[in-house]
PDB file of N, CA and C in Angstrom:
ATOM      1  N   MET A   1     146.094 121.465  70.719  1.00  0.00           N
ATOM      2  CA  MET A   1     144.474 122.268  70.210  1.00  0.00           C
ATOM      3  C   MET A   1     144.055 121.646  68.992  1.00  0.00           C
ATOM      4  N   VAL A   2     142.984 121.086  69.074  1.00  0.00           N
ATOM      5  CA  VAL A   2     142.035 120.614  67.416  1.00  0.00           C
ATOM      6  C   VAL A   2     141.025 121.682  67.337  1.00  0.00           C
ATOM      7  N   LYS A   3     141.551 121.577  66.202  1.00  0.00           N
ATOM      8  CA  LYS A   3     140.559 123.377  65.932  1.00  0.00           C
ATOM      9  C   LYS A   3     139.780 122.151  64.722  1.00  0.00           C
ATOM     10  N   PRO A   4     138.349 122.712  64.798  1.00  0.00           N
ATOM     11  CA  PRO A   4     137.261 122.320  63.516  1.00  0.00           C
ATOM     12  C   PRO A   4     137.823 122.034  61.737  1.00  0.00           C
ATOM     13  N   PHE A   5     138.362 121.379  60.997  1.00  0.00           N
ATOM     14  CA  PHE A   5     138.501 121.389  59.634  1.00  0.00           C
ATOM     15  C   PHE A   5     137.924 122.160  58.642  1.00  0.00           C
ATOM     16  N   GLU A   6     138.537 123.462  58.263  1.00  0.00           N
ATOM     17  CA  GLU A   6     137.456 124.339  57.024  1.00  0.00           C
ATOM     18  C   GLU A   6     137.323 123.680  56.015  1.00  0.00           C
ATOM     19  N   VAL A   7     136.025 123.389  55.793  1.00  0.00           N
ATOM     20  CA  VAL A   7     136.095 122.965  54.391  1.00  0.00           C
ATOM     21  C   VAL A   7     135.490 123.955  53.292  1.00  0.00           C
ATOM     22  N   GLY A   8     136.755 124.039  51.977  1.00  0.00           N
ATOM     23  CA  GLY A   8     137.006 125.709  51.110  1.00  0.00           C
ATOM     24  C   GLY A   8     135.890 124.951  49.729  1.00  0.00           C
ATOM     25  N   THR A   9     135.427 124.006  49.663  1.00  0.00           N
ATOM     26  CA  THR A   9     135.199 122.974  48.670  1.00  0.00           C
ATOM     27  C   THR A   9     134.224 122.071  48.692  1.00  0.00           C
ATOM     28  N   ALA A  10     132.668 122.431  47.949  1.00  0.00           N
ATOM     29  CA  ALA A  10     132.254 121.006  47.650  1.00  0.00           C
ATOM     30  C   ALA A  10     132.343 119.647  47.693  1.00  0.00           C
ATOM     31  N   ASP A  11     133.592 119.781  47.003  1.00  0.00           N
ATOM     32  CA  ASP A  11     134.948 117.886  47.004  1.00  0.00           C
ATOM     33  C   ASP A  11     135.649 118.023  48.026  1.00  0.00           C
ATOM     34  N   SER A  12     135.877 118.993  49.013  1.00  0.00           N
ATOM     35  CA  SER A  12     136.128 118.747  50.838  1.00  0.00           C
ATOM     36  C   SER A  12     135.498 118.489  51.525  1.00  0.00           C
ATOM     37  N   PHE A  13     134.242 119.076  51.120  1.00  0.00           N
ATOM     38  CA  PHE A  13     132.866 118.611  52.390  1.00  0.00           C
ATOM     39  C   PHE A  13     132.540 117.407  51.872  1.00  0.00           C
ATOM     40  N   HIS A  14     132.280 117.011  50.949  1.00  0.00           N
ATOM     41  CA  HIS A  14     132.006 115.658  50.558  1.00  0.00           C
ATOM     42  C   HIS A  14     133.296 114.921  51.045  1.00  0.00           C
ATOM     43  N   THR A  15     134.494 114.692  51.139  1.00  0.00           N
ATOM     44  CA  THR A  15     135.374 113.885  51.403  1.00  0.00           C
ATOM     45  C   THR A  15     135.652 113.973  53.410  1.00  0.00           C
ATOM     46  N   GLU A  16     135.052 115.404  53.623  1.00  0.00           N
ATOM     47  CA  GLU A  16     135.122 115.132  55.115  1.00  0.00           C
ATOM     48  C   GLU A  16     134.152 115.066  55.685  1.00  0.00           C
ATOM     49  N   VAL A  17     133.100 115.365  55.295  1.00  0.00           N
ATOM     50  CA  VAL A  17     131.729 114.731  55.875  1.00  0.00           C
ATOM     51  C   VAL A  17     130.761 113.612  55.270  1.00  0.00           C
ATOM     52  N   LEU A  18     130.481 113.708  54.038  1.00  0.00           N
ATOM     53  CA  LEU A  18     130.209 112.665  53.422  1.00  0.00           C
ATOM     54  C   LEU A  18     130.906 111.017  53.907  1.00  0.00           C
ATOM     55  N   GLU A  19     132.255 111.267  53.181  1.00  0.00           N
ATOM     56  CA  GLU A  19     132.610 109.870  53.225  1.00  0.00           C
ATOM     57  C   GLU A  19     133.464 109.896  54.828  1.00  0.00           C
ATOM     58  N   GLU A  20     133.474 110.160  55.476  1.00  0.00           N
ATOM     59  CA  GLU A  20     133.724 110.023  57.252  1.00  0.00           C
ATOM     60  C   GLU A  20     133.267 108.324  57.442  1.00  0.00           C
ATOM     61  N   PRO A  21     133.851 107.651  57.473  1.00  0.00           N
ATOM     62  CA  PRO A  21     133.133 106.198  57.782  1.00  0.00           C
ATOM     63  C   PRO A  21     133.226 105.838  59.355  1.00  0.00           C
ATOM     64  N   SER A  22     133.812 106.337  60.153  1.00  0.00           N
ATOM     65  CA  SER A  22     133.359 105.869  61.096  1.00  0.00           C
ATOM     66  C   SER A  22     133.227 107.182  62.339  1.00  0.00           C
ATOM     67  N   ARG A  23     133.399 108.317  62.378  1.00  0.00           N
ATOM     68  CA  ARG A  23     133.120 109.287  63.391  1.00  0.00           C
ATOM     69  C   ARG A  23     132.018 110.039  62.803  1.00  0.00           C
ATOM     70  N   PRO A  24     130.913 110.554  63.696  1.00  0.00           N
ATOM     71  CA  PRO A  24     130.076 111.593  63.759  1.00  0.00           C
ATOM     72  C   PRO A  24     130.709 112.423  63.303  1.00  0.00           C
ATOM     73  N   VAL A  25     129.997 113.881  62.294  1.00  0.00           N
ATOM     74  CA  VAL A  25     130.536 114.495  62.364  1.00  0.00           C
ATOM     75  C   VAL A  25     129.961 116.095  62.616  1.00  0.00           C
ATOM     76  N   VAL A  26     130.140 116.727  63.087  1.00  0.00           N
ATOM     77  CA  VAL A  26     129.718 118.382  63.333  1.00  0.00           C
ATOM     78  C   VAL A  26     129.863 119.257  62.356  1.00  0.00           C
ATOM     79  N   VAL A  27     128.975 120.028  61.672  1.00  0.00           N
ATOM     80  CA  VAL A  27     128.962 120.645  60.226  1.00  0.00           C
ATOM     81  C   VAL A  27     128.948 122.322  61.068  1.00  0.00           C
ATOM     82  N   TYR A  28     129.818 123.203  60.705  1.00  0.00           N
ATOM     83  CA  TYR A  28     129.509 124.273  61.831  1.00  0.00           C
ATOM     84  C   TYR A  28     128.983 125.395  60.761  1.00  0.00           C
ATOM     85  N   PHE A  29     127.790 125.723  59.995  1.00  0.00           N
ATOM     86  CA  PHE A  29     127.640 126.942  58.953  1.00  0.00           C
ATOM     87  C   PHE A  29     127.715 127.759  59.733  1.00  0.00           C
ATOM     88  N   TRP A  30     128.946 128.661  58.676  1.00  0.00           N
ATOM     89  CA  TRP A  30     128.703 130.421  59.773  1.00  0.00           C
ATOM     90  C   TRP A  30     129.120 131.380  58.304  1.00  0.00           C
ATOM     91  N   SER A  31     129.327 132.549  58.786  1.00  0.00           N
ATOM     92  CA  SER A  31     129.405 133.460  58.047  1.00  0.00           C
ATOM     93  C   SER A  31     130.508 134.769  58.834  1.00  0.00           C
ATOM     94  N   ALA A  32     131.812 135.246  58.369  1.00  0.00           N
ATOM     95  CA  ALA A  32     132.651 135.974  58.950  1.00  0.00           C
ATOM     96  C   ALA A  32     131.704 137.116  59.246  1.00  0.00           C
ATOM     97  N   THR A  33     130.688 137.365  58.429  1.00  0.00           N
ATOM     98  CA  THR A  33     129.650 138.810  58.751  1.00  0.00           C
ATOM     99  C   THR A  33     129.068 138.938  59.683  1.00  0.00           C
ATOM    100  N   CYS A  34     128.551 137.512  60.298  1.00  0.00           N
ATOM    101  CA  CYS A  34     127.793 137.031  61.561  1.00  0.00           C
ATOM    102  C   CYS A  34     128.214 137.625  62.729  1.00  0.00           C
ATOM    103  N   PRO A  35     127.810 138.348  63.222  1.00  0.00           N
ATOM    104  CA  PRO A  35     128.220 139.077  64.945  1.00  0.00           C
ATOM    105  C   PRO A  35     128.396 137.896  65.681  1.00  0.00           C
ATOM    106  N   THR A  36     126.878 137.055  65.418  1.00  0.00           N
ATOM    107  CA  THR A  36     126.779 135.738  66.263  1.00  0.00           C
ATOM    108  C   THR A  36     127.481 134.873  66.472  1.00  0.00           C
ATOM    109  N   CYS A  37     128.275 134.755  64.765  1.00  0.00           N
ATOM    110  CA  CYS A  37     129.180 133.476  64.202  1.00  0.00           C
ATOM    111  C   CYS A  37     130.522 133.643  65.319  1.00  0.00           C
ATOM    112  N   SER A  38     130.734 135.160  65.575  1.00  0.00           N
ATOM    113  CA  SER A  38     131.864 135.528  66.037  1.00  0.00           C
ATOM    114  C   SER A  38     132.173 134.996  67.102  1.00  0.00           C
ATOM    115  N   ARG A  39     130.952 135.339  67.805  1.00  0.00           N
ATOM    116  CA  ARG A  39     130.679 134.932  69.233  1.00  0.00           C
ATOM    117  C   ARG A  39     130.756 133.388  69.318  1.00  0.00           C
ATOM    118  N   MET A  40     130.189 132.772  68.372  1.00  0.00           N
ATOM    119  CA  MET A  40     129.773 131.173  68.740  1.00  0.00           C
ATOM    120  C   MET A  40     131.443 130.513  68.395  1.00  0.00           C
ATOM    121  N   THR A  41     132.049 130.677  67.411  1.00  0.00           N
ATOM    122  CA  THR A  41     133.092 130.274  66.978  1.00  0.00           C
ATOM    123  C   THR A  41     133.857 129.920  67.811  1.00  0.00           C
ATOM    124  N   PRO A  42     134.270 130.292  69.124  1.00  0.00           N
ATOM    125  CA  PRO A  42     135.405 129.850  69.779  1.00  0.00           C
ATOM    126  C   PRO A  42     135.183 128.643  71.250  1.00  0.00           C
ATOM    127  N   GLU A  43     133.672 128.597  71.198  1.00  0.00           N
ATOM    128  CA  GLU A  43     132.308 127.819  71.430  1.00  0.00           C
ATOM    129  C   GLU A  43     133.053 126.754  70.995  1.00  0.00           C
ATOM    130  N   VAL A  44     132.625 126.837  69.427  1.00  0.00           N
ATOM    131  CA  VAL A  44     132.817 125.482  68.615  1.00  0.00           C
ATOM    132  C   VAL A  44     134.068 124.692  68.821  1.00  0.00           C
ATOM    133  N   GLU A  45     134.977 125.438  68.929  1.00  0.00           N
ATOM    134  CA  GLU A  45     136.306 125.372  68.784  1.00  0.00           C
ATOM    135  C   GLU A  45     136.568 124.478  70.051  1.00  0.00           C
ATOM    136  N   ALA A  46     135.785 125.112  71.588  1.00  0.00           N
ATOM    137  CA  ALA A  46     135.833 124.805  72.393  1.00  0.00           C
ATOM    138  C   ALA A  46     135.304 123.153  72.712  1.00  0.00           C
ATOM    139  N   ALA A  47     134.343 122.584  71.644  1.00  0.00           N
ATOM    140  CA  ALA A  47     133.558 121.497  71.912  1.00  0.00           C
ATOM    141  C   ALA A  47     134.524 120.727  70.909  1.00  0.00           C
ATOM    142  N   ALA A  48     134.820 121.171  69.802  1.00  0.00           N
ATOM    143  CA  ALA A  48     135.766 120.420  69.551  1.00  0.00           C
ATOM    144  C   ALA A  48     136.711 119.837  69.687  1.00  0.00           C
ATOM    145  N   GLU A  49     137.382 120.805  70.598  1.00  0.00           N
ATOM    146  CA  GLU A  49     138.597 120.219  71.381  1.00  0.00           C
ATOM    147  C   GLU A  49     138.634 119.120  72.579  1.00  0.00           C
ATOM    148  N   SER A  50     137.457 119.527  73.002  1.00  0.00           N
ATOM    149  CA  SER A  50     137.249 118.660  74.330  1.00  0.00           C
ATOM    150  C   SER A  50     136.250 117.081  73.657  1.00  0.00           C
ATOM    151  N   SER A  51     135.880 116.962  73.092  1.00  0.00           N
ATOM    152  CA  SER A  51     135.266 115.676  72.391  1.00  0.00           C
ATOM    153  C   SER A  51     135.827 115.035  71.704  1.00  0.00           C
ATOM    154  N   VAL A  52     136.061 113.621  71.913  1.00  0.00           N
ATOM    155  CA  VAL A  52     136.407 112.445  71.544  1.00  0.00           C
ATOM    156  C   VAL A  52     135.960 112.024  70.206  1.00  0.00           C
ATOM    157  N   GLY A  53     136.449 111.549  69.223  1.00  0.00           N
ATOM    158  CA  GLY A  53     135.413 110.720  68.902  1.00  0.00           C
ATOM    159  C   GLY A  53     134.352 111.107  67.625  1.00  0.00           C
ATOM    160  N   ILE A  54     134.593 112.695  68.273  1.00  0.00           N
ATOM    161  CA  ILE A  54     133.561 113.503  67.067  1.00  0.00           C
ATOM    162  C   ILE A  54     134.362 114.504  66.087  1.00  0.00           C
ATOM    163  N   LYS A  55     134.099 114.276  64.868  1.00  0.00           N
ATOM    164  CA  LYS A  55     134.965 115.290  64.152  1.00  0.00           C
ATOM    165  C   LYS A  55     133.656 116.522  63.955  1.00  0.00           C
ATOM    166  N   PHE A  56     134.650 117.360  63.811  1.00  0.00           N
ATOM    167  CA  PHE A  56     134.004 119.103  63.736  1.00  0.00           C
ATOM    168  C   PHE A  56     134.979 119.948  62.274  1.00  0.00           C
ATOM    169  N   VAL A  57     133.979 120.540  61.376  1.00  0.00           N
ATOM    170  CA  VAL A  57     133.929 120.703  60.317  1.00  0.00           C
ATOM    171  C   VAL A  57     133.416 122.482  60.102  1.00  0.00           C
ATOM    172  N   LYS A  58     134.280 123.447  59.429  1.00  0.00           N
ATOM    173  CA  LYS A  58     133.634 124.569  59.274  1.00  0.00           C
ATOM    174  C   LYS A  58     132.942 124.588  58.149  1.00  0.00           C
ATOM    175  N   ALA A  59     132.098 125.274  57.763  1.00  0.00           N
ATOM    176  CA  ALA A  59     131.632 125.645  55.914  1.00  0.00           C
ATOM    177  C   ALA A  59     130.954 126.993  56.509  1.00  0.00           C
ATOM    178  N   ALA A  60     131.920 127.964  55.441  1.00  0.00           N
ATOM    179  CA  ALA A  60     131.507 129.296  55.373  1.00  0.00           C
ATOM    180  C   ALA A  60     131.064 129.990  54.263  1.00  0.00           C
ATOM    181  N   ALA A  61     129.877 131.164  54.785  1.00  0.00           N
ATOM    182  CA  ALA A  61     129.135 131.511  53.489  1.00  0.00           C
ATOM    183  C   ALA A  61     130.078 133.189  53.307  1.00  0.00           C
ATOM    184  N   PRO A  62     130.006 133.241  52.180  1.00  0.00           N
ATOM    185  CA  PRO A  62     129.161 133.223  50.641  1.00  0.00           C
ATOM    186  C   PRO A  62     130.092 132.066  50.075  1.00  0.00           C
ATOM    187  N   GLU A  63     131.092 131.876  50.899  1.00  0.00           N
ATOM    188  CA  GLU A  63     132.033 130.875  49.373  1.00  0.00           C
ATOM    189  C   GLU A  63     131.302 129.488  49.100  1.00  0.00           C
ATOM    190  N   LEU A  64     130.918 129.144  50.151  1.00  0.00           N
ATOM    191  CA  LEU A  64     130.087 127.754  50.355  1.00  0.00           C
ATOM    192  C   LEU A  64     128.849 127.863  49.876  1.00  0.00           C
ATOM    193  N   LEU A  65     128.349 128.723  49.591  1.00  0.00           N
ATOM    194  CA  LEU A  65     126.627 128.935  49.263  1.00  0.00           C
ATOM    195  C   LEU A  65     125.870 127.934  48.681  1.00  0.00           C
ATOM    196  N   GLU A  66     126.360 127.423  47.594  1.00  0.00           N
ATOM    197  CA  GLU A  66     125.418 126.060  46.998  1.00  0.00           C
ATOM    198  C   GLU A  66     124.699 124.887  48.218  1.00  0.00           C
ATOM    199  N   LEU A  67     126.516 125.411  48.584  1.00  0.00           N
ATOM    200  CA  LEU A  67     126.529 123.917  49.663  1.00  0.00           C
ATOM    201  C   LEU A  67     125.271 124.275  50.793  1.00  0.00           C
ATOM    202  N   PHE A  68     125.072 125.565  51.503  1.00  0.00           N
ATOM    203  CA  PHE A  68     124.054 126.376  51.889  1.00  0.00           C
ATOM    204  C   PHE A  68     122.962 125.690  51.363  1.00  0.00           C
ATOM    205  N   LYS A  69     122.509 126.209  50.273  1.00  0.00           N
ATOM    206  CA  LYS A  69     121.488 125.926  49.760  1.00  0.00           C
ATOM    207  C   LYS A  69     120.794 124.458  49.915  1.00  0.00           C
ATOM    208  N   GLU A  70     121.694 123.677  49.584  1.00  0.00           N
ATOM    209  CA  GLU A  70     121.599 122.179  49.260  1.00  0.00           C
ATOM    210  C   GLU A  70     121.273 121.562  50.895  1.00  0.00           C
ATOM    211  N   TYR A  71     122.027 122.035  52.068  1.00  0.00           N
ATOM    212  CA  TYR A  71     121.304 121.663  53.183  1.00  0.00           C
ATOM    213  C   TYR A  71     120.148 122.336  53.640  1.00  0.00           C
ATOM    214  N   ARG A  72     119.608 123.146  52.892  1.00  0.00           N
ATOM    215  CA  ARG A  72     118.535 124.076  53.494  1.00  0.00           C
ATOM    216  C   ARG A  72     119.031 124.906  54.722  1.00  0.00           C
ATOM    217  N   VAL A  73     120.348 126.078  54.846  1.00  0.00           N
ATOM    218  CA  VAL A  73     120.477 126.570  56.142  1.00  0.00           C
ATOM    219  C   VAL A  73     120.229 127.621  55.370  1.00  0.00           C
ATOM    220  N   LYS A  74     119.479 127.986  56.599  1.00  0.00           N
ATOM    221  CA  LYS A  74     118.396 129.551  56.128  1.00  0.00           C
ATOM    222  C   LYS A  74     119.347 130.587  57.387  1.00  0.00           C
ATOM    223  N   ALA A  75     120.071 129.973  58.511  1.00  0.00           N
ATOM    224  CA  ALA A  75     120.435 131.039  59.065  1.00  0.00           C
ATOM    225  C   ALA A  75     121.835 130.652  59.866  1.00  0.00           C
ATOM    226  N   THR A  76     122.978 131.556  60.004  1.00  0.00           N
ATOM    227  CA  THR A  76     124.233 131.399  60.431  1.00  0.00           C
ATOM    228  C   THR A  76     123.990 132.122  61.853  1.00  0.00           C
ATOM    229  N   PRO A  77     124.129 131.472  63.021  1.00  0.00           N
ATOM    230  CA  PRO A  77     125.367 130.235  62.874  1.00  0.00           C
ATOM    231  C   PRO A  77     123.735 129.065  62.954  1.00  0.00           C
ATOM    232  N   SER A  78     124.574 127.745  62.165  1.00  0.00           N
ATOM    233  CA  SER A  78     123.867 127.005  62.299  1.00  0.00           C
ATOM    234  C   SER A  78     124.774 125.199  62.204  1.00  0.00           C
ATOM    235  N   LEU A  79     124.513 124.428  63.006  1.00  0.00           N
ATOM    236  CA  LEU A  79     125.224 123.298  63.882  1.00  0.00           C
ATOM    237  C   LEU A  79     123.926 121.940  62.576  1.00  0.00           C
ATOM    238  N   VAL A  80     124.623 121.325  62.239  1.00  0.00           N
ATOM    239  CA  VAL A  80     124.281 120.270  61.529  1.00  0.00           C
ATOM    240  C   VAL A  80     125.043 118.601  61.700  1.00  0.00           C
ATOM    241  N   LEU A  81     124.533 117.791  62.714  1.00  0.00           N
ATOM    242  CA  LEU A  81     125.534 116.697  62.673  1.00  0.00           C
ATOM    243  C   LEU A  81     124.975 115.381  61.729  1.00  0.00           C
ATOM    244  N   CYS A  82     126.088 114.950  61.002  1.00  0.00           N
ATOM    245  CA  CYS A  82     125.772 113.705  60.610  1.00  0.00           C
ATOM    246  C   CYS A  82     126.864 112.697  60.630  1.00  0.00           C
ATOM    247  N   SER A  83     126.252 111.334  60.345  1.00  0.00           N
ATOM    248  CA  SER A  83     127.176 110.195  60.168  1.00  0.00           C
ATOM    249  C   SER A  83     126.576 109.033  59.108  1.00  0.00           C
ATOM    250  N   LYS A  84     127.994 109.146  58.773  1.00  0.00           N
ATOM    251  CA  LYS A  84     127.660 108.316  57.823  1.00  0.00           C
ATOM    252  C   LYS A  84     127.227 108.930  56.433  1.00  0.00           C
ATOM    253  N   GLY A  85     127.246 109.874  56.454  1.00  0.00           N
ATOM    254  CA  GLY A  85     126.466 110.727  55.215  1.00  0.00           C
ATOM    255  C   GLY A  85     125.245 110.970  55.391  1.00  0.00           C
ATOM    256  N   GLN A  86     124.606 110.677  56.905  1.00  0.00           N
ATOM    257  CA  GLN A  86     123.262 111.057  56.598  1.00  0.00           C
ATOM    258  C   GLN A  86     122.754 112.008  57.695  1.00  0.00           C
ATOM    259  N   GLU A  87     122.033 113.390  57.345  1.00  0.00           N
ATOM    260  CA  GLU A  87     121.849 114.419  58.979  1.00  0.00           C
ATOM    261  C   GLU A  87     121.069 113.296  60.125  1.00  0.00           C
ATOM    262  N   LEU A  88     121.772 113.777  61.041  1.00  0.00           N
ATOM    263  CA  LEU A  88     121.167 113.105  62.372  1.00  0.00           C
ATOM    264  C   LEU A  88     119.778 114.306  63.111  1.00  0.00           C
ATOM    265  N   ALA A  89     120.627 116.116  63.017  1.00  0.00           N
ATOM    266  CA  ALA A  89     120.032 116.571  64.019  1.00  0.00           C
ATOM    267  C   ALA A  89     120.826 118.192  63.340  1.00  0.00           C
ATOM    268  N   ARG A  90     119.718 118.762  63.640  1.00  0.00           N
ATOM    269  CA  ARG A  90     120.504 120.281  63.439  1.00  0.00           C
ATOM    270  C   ARG A  90     119.724 121.312  64.486  1.00  0.00           C
ATOM    271  N   GLN A  91     120.473 122.631  64.446  1.00  0.00           N
ATOM    272  CA  GLN A  91     120.319 123.565  65.445  1.00  0.00           C
ATOM    273  C   GLN A  91     120.627 124.883  64.918  1.00  0.00           C
ATOM    274  N   GLU A  92     120.230 125.623  65.496  1.00  0.00           N
ATOM    275  CA  GLU A  92     121.008 127.109  64.643  1.00  0.00           C
ATOM    276  C   GLU A  92     120.492 128.036  66.019  1.00  0.00           C
ATOM    277  N   GLY A  93     121.301 129.506  65.557  1.00  0.00           N
ATOM    278  CA  GLY A  93     121.658 130.062  66.978  1.00  0.00           C
ATOM    279  C   GLY A  93     122.882 129.938  67.376  1.00  0.00           C
ATOM    280  N   PHE A  94     123.322 130.541  68.728  1.00  0.00           N
ATOM    281  CA  PHE A  94     124.291 130.953  69.212  1.00  0.00           C
ATOM    282  C   PHE A  94     123.773 129.353  70.069  1.00  0.00           C
ATOM    283  N   LYS A  95     125.023 128.523  70.468  1.00  0.00           N
ATOM    284  CA  LYS A  95     125.557 127.744  71.509  1.00  0.00           C
ATOM    285  C   LYS A  95     126.649 128.160  72.121  1.00  0.00           C
ATOM    286  N   THR A  96     126.702 127.299  73.206  1.00  0.00           N
ATOM    287  CA  THR A  96     127.860 127.427  73.972  1.00  0.00           C
ATOM    288  C   THR A  96     128.608 125.446  73.767  1.00  0.00           C
ATOM    289  N   ALA A  97     129.647 125.864  74.620  1.00  0.00           N
ATOM    290  CA  ALA A  97     130.436 124.521  74.320  1.00  0.00           C
ATOM    291  C   ALA A  97     129.923 123.461  74.955  1.00  0.00           C
ATOM    292  N   ALA A  98     129.419 123.838  76.343  1.00  0.00           N
ATOM    293  CA  ALA A  98     128.726 122.878  76.992  1.00  0.00           C
ATOM    294  C   ALA A  98     127.285 122.673  76.118  1.00  0.00           C
ATOM    295  N   GLU A  99     126.481 123.296  75.452  1.00  0.00           N
ATOM    296  CA  GLU A  99     125.121 123.013  74.959  1.00  0.00           C
ATOM    297  C   GLU A  99     125.564 122.140  73.671  1.00  0.00           C
ATOM    298  N   ILE A 100     126.255 122.352  73.092  1.00  0.00           N
ATOM    299  CA  ILE A 100     126.920 121.522  71.673  1.00  0.00           C
ATOM    300  C   ILE A 100     127.431 120.363  72.533  1.00  0.00           C
ATOM    301  N   ILE A 101     128.298 120.101  72.743  1.00  0.00           N
ATOM    302  CA  ILE A 101     128.526 119.032  73.781  1.00  0.00           C
ATOM    303  C   ILE A 101     126.918 118.043  74.123  1.00  0.00           C
ATOM    304  N   ALA A 102     126.341 118.502  74.792  1.00  0.00           N
ATOM    305  CA  ALA A 102     125.230 117.908  75.447  1.00  0.00           C
ATOM    306  C   ALA A 102     124.165 117.517  73.758  1.00  0.00           C
ATOM    307  N   TRP A 103     124.131 118.498  72.963  1.00  0.00           N
ATOM    308  CA  TRP A 103     123.618 118.000  72.000  1.00  0.00           C
ATOM    309  C   TRP A 103     123.835 117.360  71.021  1.00  0.00           C
ATOM    310  N   VAL A 104     125.523 117.259  70.946  1.00  0.00           N
ATOM    311  CA  VAL A 104     125.731 116.012  70.228  1.00  0.00           C
ATOM    312  C   VAL A 104     126.083 114.660  70.370  1.00  0.00           C
ATOM    313  N   ASN A 105     126.118 114.828  72.107  1.00  0.00           N
ATOM    314  CA  ASN A 105     126.011 113.190  72.937  1.00  0.00           C
ATOM    315  C   ASN A 105     124.294 112.894  72.710  1.00  0.00           C
ATOM    316  N   GLU A 106     123.455 113.757  73.068  1.00  0.00           N
ATOM    317  CA  GLU A 106     122.208 113.343  72.601  1.00  0.00           C
ATOM    318  C   GLU A 106     121.672 112.249  71.735  1.00  0.00           C
ATOM    319  N   HIS A 107     122.334 112.891  70.345  1.00  0.00           N
ATOM    320  CA  HIS A 107     122.040 111.962  69.429  1.00  0.00           C
ATOM    321  C   HIS A 107     123.009 111.209  68.648  1.00  0.00           C
ATOM    322  N   VAL A 108     123.920 111.318  69.407  1.00  0.00           N
ATOM    323  CA  VAL A 108     125.146 109.706  68.781  1.00  0.00           C
ATOM    324  C   VAL A 108     125.026 108.641  69.662  1.00  0.00           C
TER     325      VAL A 108
END
């Protein structure tokens, strides 16, 4: 089972997202205190498991608050799709695995 990689520092975010040379990356901004995030995390994991060629990473608040500010994440859960270090799309709020996959496919 492929689970999203949890970035724990800004450096690991840089390596896992901004320096990813070939695959698009879905960044899941979430918080352990967010009830909607608790419902969405299994959906993100299911999307990661069924998506070939797409990398999924998780970034948690408040541990990475500066990263949330840098990416102007105002609400959790939020998804940001990046490719070669550039943001392609973003969305906020609860999404099912099918909705996440459709959204990624629409933008890559």
